[in-house]
Amino acid sequence: MTSDSQLEQPAGSTSAQISGWLTPFKPRRGLSSGHLQTIVGNYLPRPHFSLTAISETVVVDPSDNSRVLCHCHWQTEANHPDRMAVVLLHGLEGSSNSRYILGLATRAWKAGFHVIRMNMRNCGGTDHLTPTLYNSSLSGDVGAVINHFANERGLSRVALVGYSMGGNLVLKLAGEWGSRVPLCVVAAVCPSIDLAAGSDALHLPINRIYEWHFLRGLMRRYRRKVRLFPHLYSRDVGPIRSLREFDDKIVARYCNFRNSDDYYYRAAAARVVDRISVPTLILRALDDPFIRFTTETHAALLANPQIRLIETQYGGHCAYLADGSGESIHWAEDTVIRYLTAFGIDVHGS
C-alpha cells in the first residue's frame, strides 16, 4: 500500500514518473473532516465550463434500443486515432454535467486528450432513451461506448475515469476486459466496489443525510420511469426507507436480480479486480463517510501489480479539497490527469 506520505515505486515505473504525478494530499484549512470535505466539495462553485461539445447518443443494448448520451470534445487533430481519448463517468444520481466531471473534462482537454463525458442510462435528462433502469452492474454500457467511438473514430487508445458508482463500473469493466484494446489505463476516485458494505454504511445514523439525498433522487427518477413506461413499472412499491430497500424492491425486481444481496454481489467490481491488466489508479480517502472496502477486497487490490492504490487520511467522498488556490484545490482531479499522462504512455500517440 502507498499512502500520501509514502511514495514507493510501483513495478515497471521510473522515479521521474512517480515524482511527476503523485503529490501528498494536504486538506484545505478547516476541512479535515470527511463530512465537511464531502458537503463543501459538492457545493463549491467552479469556473464557467466553456468547452464546445458534440452530443451523440450511443446504443448500448440493441435488443431494446437502450441508448446513453455522450458529450464529446475532440481535439483539433480529431482524425488522429492515436491521440488518447478519456471516457469520464459520474457517480450515483450524477450526470455528465456534475461539477467534478466538468473539472476533469477541462483538465483532460488541456492535457491534450479527446474527452467523452458519458451519462449512465437515464442520467442527464435521458430517461426517455431507455425503458430500463440504471444500476451498478452495467459495465457493458461503458464497453459499448468505448467500442462505438473506437469504430467510429478509429481510436486506438482509451482511458477510463470513474467517480464513486462510476468508479465501480470502470473497474468492473477493466477486470472483465483484462488487456483488451483499446483500453489502456484506468482511474477511479472513491469507487463503490464493495456495494453491500457501502449500502450498509449509508444506513448508519451519521450517514442518513446522504442516504436520504440519494433516495429522493432515485425515487423521483423512478416516478419519471413510471410515467414514461406505465406498462413496465408499478406505482405501488410500498414504503422505501433505505437504499437497500430501494435495491430490493425496485432494482432487483426490474433488473433481474433475486434480491439486493444478489445484486450487490454480481455488480461489485471487487469480484474482478484481480483480473485488471492495465495500469490502474484508485484514490480512496479513509475518512470517506460511506465507501467501505472489505479486508478481502483490500488485499486483492494490493496484490495486483497493475493497481496503484492511494489511501489518504482525509478527503471525504470524491472531494479532496486541498490547501491551495484556484483550481489547484481539486487534488484528485489533478492527480488523475497526471497519472493518465504518466502511465498512458504518450497522449498524442506516435
Protein backbone atom coordinates (compact mmCIF):
# COMPACT_ATOMS: atom_id res chain seq x y z
CA MET A 1 0.00 0.00 0.00
CA THR A 2 1.12 3.52 -0.72
CA SER A 3 -0.16 6.43 1.35
CA ASP A 4 0.08 10.14 0.70
CA SER A 5 3.18 10.26 2.90
CA GLN A 6 4.95 7.18 1.47
CA LEU A 7 5.77 7.18 -2.23
CA GLU A 8 7.06 3.72 -3.05
CA GLN A 9 7.87 2.90 -6.66
CA PRO A 10 5.40 0.59 -8.49
CA ALA A 11 6.71 -2.14 -10.77
CA GLY A 12 7.68 -1.02 -14.24
CA SER A 13 7.73 2.70 -13.45
CA THR A 14 10.50 5.25 -13.19
CA SER A 15 11.30 7.70 -10.42
CA ALA A 16 10.51 10.52 -12.84
CA GLN A 17 7.02 9.12 -13.35
CA ILE A 18 6.44 8.93 -9.59
CA SER A 19 7.62 12.45 -8.82
CA GLY A 20 5.75 13.77 -11.83
CA TRP A 21 2.24 12.69 -10.90
CA LEU A 22 1.91 11.78 -7.21
CA THR A 23 1.97 14.56 -4.64
CA PRO A 24 0.85 14.41 -0.98
CA PHE A 25 -2.69 15.48 -0.18
CA LYS A 26 -2.99 18.21 2.43
CA PRO A 27 -6.62 19.13 3.22
CA ARG A 28 -7.78 22.70 2.93
CA ARG A 29 -7.64 24.59 6.21
CA GLY A 30 -10.74 23.88 8.28
CA LEU A 31 -11.74 20.89 6.12
CA SER A 32 -10.05 18.00 7.86
CA SER A 33 -13.40 16.27 8.43
CA GLY A 34 -14.66 13.76 5.89
CA HIS A 35 -18.20 15.10 6.23
CA LEU A 36 -17.11 18.70 5.71
CA GLN A 37 -14.98 17.73 2.70
CA THR A 38 -17.92 15.83 1.19
CA ILE A 39 -20.52 18.56 1.71
CA VAL A 40 -18.36 21.54 0.77
CA GLY A 41 -16.95 19.67 -2.22
CA ASN A 42 -20.46 19.07 -3.51
CA TYR A 43 -21.43 22.73 -3.48
CA LEU A 44 -18.17 24.62 -4.04
CA PRO A 45 -18.56 26.88 -7.12
CA ARG A 46 -16.31 26.30 -10.11
CA PRO A 47 -15.28 28.44 -13.09
CA HIS A 48 -17.72 28.50 -16.00
CA PHE A 49 -17.38 25.43 -18.24
CA SER A 50 -16.73 26.61 -21.78
CA LEU A 51 -15.59 23.63 -23.87
CA THR A 52 -17.54 23.08 -27.08
CA ALA A 53 -19.17 19.64 -27.17
CA ILE A 54 -20.64 17.36 -29.81
CA SER A 55 -23.58 15.41 -28.37
CA GLU A 56 -24.21 11.85 -29.52
CA THR A 57 -26.43 9.02 -28.34
CA VAL A 58 -24.86 5.56 -28.30
CA VAL A 59 -26.86 2.32 -28.44
CA VAL A 60 -25.74 0.16 -25.51
CA ASP A 61 -28.39 -2.56 -25.84
CA PRO A 62 -29.77 -3.23 -29.35
CA SER A 63 -32.42 -5.61 -28.00
CA ASP A 64 -34.48 -2.73 -26.62
CA ASN A 65 -32.66 0.20 -28.26
CA SER A 66 -31.38 1.46 -24.92
CA ARG A 67 -29.17 4.48 -25.52
CA VAL A 68 -26.88 6.68 -23.44
CA LEU A 69 -25.98 10.30 -24.11
CA CYS A 70 -22.34 11.28 -24.52
CA HIS A 71 -20.85 14.77 -24.86
CA CYS A 72 -17.63 14.61 -26.88
CA HIS A 73 -14.79 17.10 -27.05
CA TRP A 74 -12.50 16.21 -29.96
CA GLN A 75 -9.10 17.83 -30.23
CA THR A 76 -8.21 19.69 -33.44
CA GLU A 77 -6.49 16.59 -34.74
CA ALA A 78 -9.78 14.71 -34.45
CA ASN A 79 -8.76 12.39 -37.26
CA HIS A 80 -5.64 11.28 -35.35
CA PRO A 81 -6.65 7.83 -34.00
CA ASP A 82 -3.56 7.50 -31.80
CA ARG A 83 -4.41 10.50 -29.63
CA MET A 84 -5.71 9.15 -26.33
CA ALA A 85 -9.41 9.55 -25.51
CA VAL A 86 -10.66 9.71 -21.93
CA VAL A 87 -14.15 8.50 -21.05
CA LEU A 88 -15.44 10.18 -17.86
CA LEU A 89 -18.18 8.52 -15.79
CA HIS A 90 -20.10 10.16 -12.95
CA GLY A 91 -21.47 8.73 -9.70
CA LEU A 92 -24.92 7.80 -8.37
CA GLU A 93 -27.54 10.39 -9.39
CA GLY A 94 -24.88 12.47 -11.10
CA SER A 95 -24.51 13.24 -14.79
CA SER A 96 -22.07 14.40 -17.44
CA ASN A 97 -22.64 17.89 -16.04
CA SER A 98 -21.59 17.07 -12.47
CA ARG A 99 -19.02 19.57 -11.22
CA TYR A 100 -16.21 17.05 -10.85
CA ILE A 101 -16.85 15.70 -14.36
CA LEU A 102 -16.64 19.20 -15.84
CA GLY A 103 -13.47 19.86 -13.86
CA LEU A 104 -11.89 16.66 -15.13
CA ALA A 105 -13.02 17.35 -18.69
CA THR A 106 -11.33 20.76 -18.65
CA ARG A 107 -8.09 19.32 -17.29
CA ALA A 108 -8.09 16.37 -19.70
CA TRP A 109 -8.71 18.69 -22.66
CA LYS A 110 -5.86 20.99 -21.65
CA ALA A 111 -3.60 17.93 -21.29
CA GLY A 112 -4.28 17.07 -24.94
CA PHE A 113 -6.80 14.23 -24.62
CA HIS A 114 -10.00 13.73 -26.55
CA VAL A 115 -12.75 13.79 -23.89
CA ILE A 116 -16.03 11.84 -23.76
CA ARG A 117 -18.42 12.74 -20.94
CA MET A 118 -20.71 9.73 -20.66
CA ASN A 119 -24.10 9.66 -18.96
CA MET A 120 -25.26 6.41 -17.42
CA ARG A 121 -28.67 5.18 -18.57
CA ASN A 122 -31.43 7.67 -17.63
CA CYS A 123 -28.98 10.25 -16.31
CA GLY A 124 -28.55 13.77 -17.64
CA GLY A 125 -32.23 14.06 -18.61
CA THR A 126 -32.23 10.89 -20.72
CA ASP A 127 -34.95 8.77 -19.07
CA HIS A 128 -36.74 8.58 -22.42
CA LEU A 129 -33.77 6.94 -24.17
CA THR A 130 -34.23 3.55 -22.48
CA PRO A 131 -37.10 1.56 -20.97
CA THR A 132 -34.69 0.20 -18.35
CA LEU A 133 -33.35 1.46 -15.04
CA TYR A 134 -29.66 2.06 -14.41
CA ASN A 135 -27.64 0.15 -11.84
CA SER A 136 -24.08 -0.68 -10.78
CA SER A 137 -23.84 -3.85 -12.87
CA LEU A 138 -23.97 -2.17 -16.29
CA SER A 139 -20.27 -2.16 -17.08
CA GLY A 140 -21.24 -3.39 -20.53
CA ASP A 141 -22.63 0.07 -21.27
CA VAL A 142 -19.16 1.54 -20.76
CA GLY A 143 -17.71 -1.10 -23.05
CA ALA A 144 -20.34 -0.32 -25.69
CA VAL A 145 -19.38 3.37 -25.59
CA ILE A 146 -15.68 2.51 -26.00
CA ASN A 147 -16.41 0.19 -28.92
CA HIS A 148 -18.70 2.74 -30.58
CA PHE A 149 -16.13 5.52 -30.64
CA ALA A 150 -13.26 3.15 -31.41
CA ASN A 151 -15.15 2.05 -34.52
CA GLU A 152 -16.48 5.49 -35.43
CA ARG A 153 -13.27 7.44 -34.82
CA GLY A 154 -10.65 4.74 -35.16
CA LEU A 155 -9.44 5.32 -31.60
CA SER A 156 -6.58 3.04 -30.67
CA ARG A 157 -6.15 4.08 -27.01
CA VAL A 158 -8.86 4.82 -24.47
CA ALA A 159 -8.62 5.70 -20.77
CA LEU A 160 -11.47 5.37 -18.27
CA VAL A 161 -12.08 7.58 -15.24
CA GLY A 162 -14.97 6.98 -12.83
CA TYR A 163 -16.17 8.50 -9.59
CA SER A 164 -17.97 6.50 -6.87
CA MET A 165 -20.58 4.35 -8.69
CA GLY A 166 -18.83 5.25 -11.94
CA GLY A 167 -15.60 4.07 -10.34
CA ASN A 168 -17.16 0.66 -9.71
CA LEU A 169 -18.27 0.47 -13.34
CA VAL A 170 -14.89 1.33 -14.87
CA LEU A 171 -13.04 -1.08 -12.55
CA LYS A 172 -15.57 -3.81 -13.24
CA LEU A 173 -15.13 -3.38 -16.99
CA ALA A 174 -11.34 -3.31 -16.61
CA GLY A 175 -11.50 -6.63 -14.75
CA GLU A 176 -13.83 -8.14 -17.34
CA TRP A 177 -11.78 -6.92 -20.29
CA GLY A 178 -8.30 -7.63 -18.97
CA SER A 179 -5.83 -6.40 -21.60
CA ARG A 180 -8.37 -5.94 -24.40
CA VAL A 181 -7.61 -2.98 -26.64
CA PRO A 182 -8.21 -0.09 -26.93
CA LEU A 183 -8.45 0.18 -23.11
CA CYS A 184 -5.00 1.15 -21.82
CA VAL A 185 -5.32 2.94 -18.44
CA VAL A 186 -7.96 3.39 -15.73
CA ALA A 187 -8.51 5.69 -12.74
CA ALA A 188 -11.21 5.55 -10.07
CA VAL A 189 -11.94 8.05 -7.29
CA CYS A 190 -13.65 6.73 -4.15
CA PRO A 191 -15.09 3.74 -6.06
CA SER A 192 -18.02 1.86 -4.52
CA ILE A 193 -16.57 -1.56 -5.32
CA ASP A 194 -17.95 -3.32 -2.22
CA LEU A 195 -21.61 -2.45 -2.76
CA ALA A 196 -23.13 -4.25 0.23
CA ALA A 197 -20.68 -2.66 2.67
CA GLY A 198 -21.29 0.78 1.19
CA SER A 199 -25.07 0.42 1.26
CA ASP A 200 -25.00 -0.62 4.91
CA ALA A 201 -22.65 2.27 5.75
CA LEU A 202 -25.10 4.73 4.17
CA HIS A 203 -27.79 3.50 6.55
CA LEU A 204 -25.78 4.32 9.66
CA PRO A 205 -27.39 7.18 11.64
CA ILE A 206 -24.46 9.54 11.00
CA ASN A 207 -24.83 8.99 7.22
CA ARG A 208 -28.62 9.11 6.87
CA ILE A 209 -28.49 12.60 5.36
CA TYR A 210 -26.56 11.18 2.38
CA GLU A 211 -28.88 8.18 2.10
CA TRP A 212 -31.96 10.39 2.03
CA HIS A 213 -30.33 12.61 -0.59
CA PHE A 214 -29.76 9.62 -2.87
CA LEU A 215 -33.18 8.12 -2.16
CA ARG A 216 -35.02 11.32 -3.03
CA GLY A 217 -33.25 11.46 -6.37
CA LEU A 218 -33.75 7.76 -7.09
CA MET A 219 -37.45 7.87 -6.24
CA ARG A 220 -38.00 10.97 -8.41
CA ARG A 221 -36.31 9.13 -11.25
CA TYR A 222 -38.40 6.01 -10.67
CA ARG A 223 -41.62 8.04 -10.78
CA ARG A 224 -40.48 9.51 -14.12
CA LYS A 225 -39.95 6.00 -15.46
CA VAL A 226 -43.45 5.03 -14.32
CA ARG A 227 -44.91 7.98 -16.24
CA LEU A 228 -42.86 7.22 -19.35
CA PHE A 229 -43.34 3.44 -19.30
CA PRO A 230 -46.51 2.73 -17.25
CA HIS A 231 -46.81 -0.76 -18.76
CA LEU A 232 -43.40 -1.75 -17.34
CA TYR A 233 -43.35 -0.26 -13.84
CA SER A 234 -45.72 -0.30 -10.90
CA ARG A 235 -46.63 2.84 -8.97
CA ASP A 236 -47.19 0.76 -5.84
CA VAL A 237 -43.80 -0.24 -4.46
CA GLY A 238 -44.60 0.38 -0.81
CA PRO A 239 -42.54 2.44 1.64
CA ILE A 240 -38.83 2.67 0.90
CA ARG A 241 -36.69 3.96 3.75
CA SER A 242 -33.20 2.85 2.82
CA LEU A 243 -31.01 2.31 -0.21
CA ARG A 244 -31.07 -1.42 0.44
CA GLU A 245 -34.89 -1.37 0.38
CA PHE A 246 -34.78 0.52 -2.93
CA ASP A 247 -32.43 -2.10 -4.34
CA ASP A 248 -34.62 -4.92 -3.01
CA LYS A 249 -37.97 -3.56 -4.15
CA ILE A 250 -37.03 -1.81 -7.39
CA VAL A 251 -33.55 -2.64 -8.72
CA ALA A 252 -33.76 -6.39 -8.02
CA ARG A 253 -37.35 -6.58 -9.27
CA TYR A 254 -36.83 -4.76 -12.55
CA CYS A 255 -33.18 -5.55 -13.31
CA ASN A 256 -33.27 -9.35 -12.99
CA PHE A 257 -31.66 -9.89 -9.61
CA ARG A 258 -33.06 -12.18 -6.90
CA ASN A 259 -32.69 -9.55 -4.17
CA SER A 260 -30.33 -6.80 -3.05
CA ASP A 261 -27.69 -9.29 -1.87
CA ASP A 262 -27.64 -10.95 -5.29
CA TYR A 263 -27.39 -7.51 -6.93
CA TYR A 264 -24.59 -6.32 -4.66
CA TYR A 265 -22.58 -9.48 -5.27
CA ARG A 266 -22.99 -9.63 -9.05
CA ALA A 267 -22.49 -5.89 -9.61
CA ALA A 268 -19.43 -5.41 -7.40
CA ALA A 269 -16.12 -4.73 -9.14
CA ALA A 270 -14.46 -6.30 -6.10
CA ARG A 271 -15.09 -9.72 -7.68
CA VAL A 272 -12.88 -8.99 -10.70
CA VAL A 273 -10.19 -6.51 -9.59
CA ASP A 274 -7.67 -9.34 -9.51
CA ARG A 275 -8.08 -9.62 -13.30
CA ILE A 276 -7.30 -5.97 -14.10
CA SER A 277 -4.39 -5.97 -16.55
CA VAL A 278 -3.83 -2.31 -17.42
CA PRO A 279 -2.27 0.45 -15.26
CA THR A 280 -4.95 1.47 -12.78
CA LEU A 281 -5.11 4.21 -10.15
CA ILE A 282 -7.53 4.04 -7.21
CA LEU A 283 -7.87 7.02 -4.86
CA ARG A 284 -9.57 6.37 -1.55
CA ALA A 285 -9.99 8.68 1.45
CA LEU A 286 -10.03 6.82 4.74
CA ASP A 287 -12.48 9.37 6.15
CA ASP A 288 -14.97 8.83 3.29
CA PRO A 289 -18.32 8.66 5.14
CA PHE A 290 -19.74 5.66 3.28
CA ILE A 291 -17.25 3.98 0.93
CA ARG A 292 -16.02 0.75 2.52
CA PHE A 293 -13.53 -1.88 1.32
CA THR A 294 -13.66 -5.34 2.85
CA THR A 295 -10.44 -6.91 4.08
CA GLU A 296 -10.54 -9.36 1.15
CA THR A 297 -11.01 -6.59 -1.41
CA HIS A 298 -8.22 -4.51 0.09
CA ALA A 299 -5.87 -7.49 -0.11
CA ALA A 300 -6.86 -8.16 -3.75
CA LEU A 301 -6.13 -4.56 -4.71
CA LEU A 302 -2.71 -4.64 -3.10
CA ALA A 303 -1.87 -7.99 -4.67
CA ASN A 304 -2.45 -6.81 -8.24
CA PRO A 305 0.77 -5.18 -9.55
CA GLN A 306 -1.19 -3.18 -12.13
CA ILE A 307 -3.21 -1.36 -9.45
CA ARG A 308 -1.86 1.71 -7.67
CA LEU A 309 -3.97 2.17 -4.52
CA ILE A 310 -3.51 5.58 -2.89
CA GLU A 311 -5.20 5.90 0.51
CA THR A 312 -5.21 9.28 2.20
CA GLN A 313 -6.22 10.08 5.75
CA TYR A 314 -8.51 12.90 4.61
CA GLY A 315 -10.53 13.76 1.51
CA GLY A 316 -14.14 12.82 2.19
CA HIS A 317 -16.26 11.34 -0.58
CA CYS A 318 -14.95 12.42 -4.00
CA ALA A 319 -13.97 15.84 -2.64
CA TYR A 320 -10.23 16.05 -1.93
CA LEU A 321 -10.26 19.80 -1.37
CA ALA A 322 -6.58 20.65 -0.93
CA ASP A 323 -4.70 23.52 0.63
CA GLY A 324 -4.09 25.63 -2.46
CA SER A 325 -5.56 28.34 -4.62
CA GLY A 326 -7.77 28.40 -7.69
CA GLU A 327 -8.44 25.08 -9.37
CA SER A 328 -5.40 23.54 -7.66
CA ILE A 329 -7.61 22.86 -4.65
CA HIS A 330 -9.12 19.89 -6.52
CA TRP A 331 -6.30 17.46 -5.77
CA ALA A 332 -7.97 14.28 -7.07
CA GLU A 333 -8.65 15.76 -10.50
CA ASP A 334 -5.08 16.99 -10.86
CA THR A 335 -3.71 13.64 -9.67
CA VAL A 336 -5.85 11.62 -12.08
CA ILE A 337 -4.77 13.67 -15.10
CA ARG A 338 -1.10 13.47 -14.10
CA TYR A 339 -1.46 9.70 -13.73
CA LEU A 340 -3.11 9.27 -17.12
CA THR A 341 -0.36 11.34 -18.69
CA ALA A 342 2.44 9.40 -16.96
CA PHE A 343 1.09 5.88 -17.37
CA GLY A 344 -0.92 6.25 -20.56
CA ILE A 345 2.40 6.32 -22.43
CA ASP A 346 2.01 9.26 -24.86
CA VAL A 347 -1.10 11.41 -25.02
CA HIS A 348 -0.58 12.20 -28.70
CA GLY A 349 0.44 8.74 -29.87
CA SER A 350 3.26 8.06 -32.24
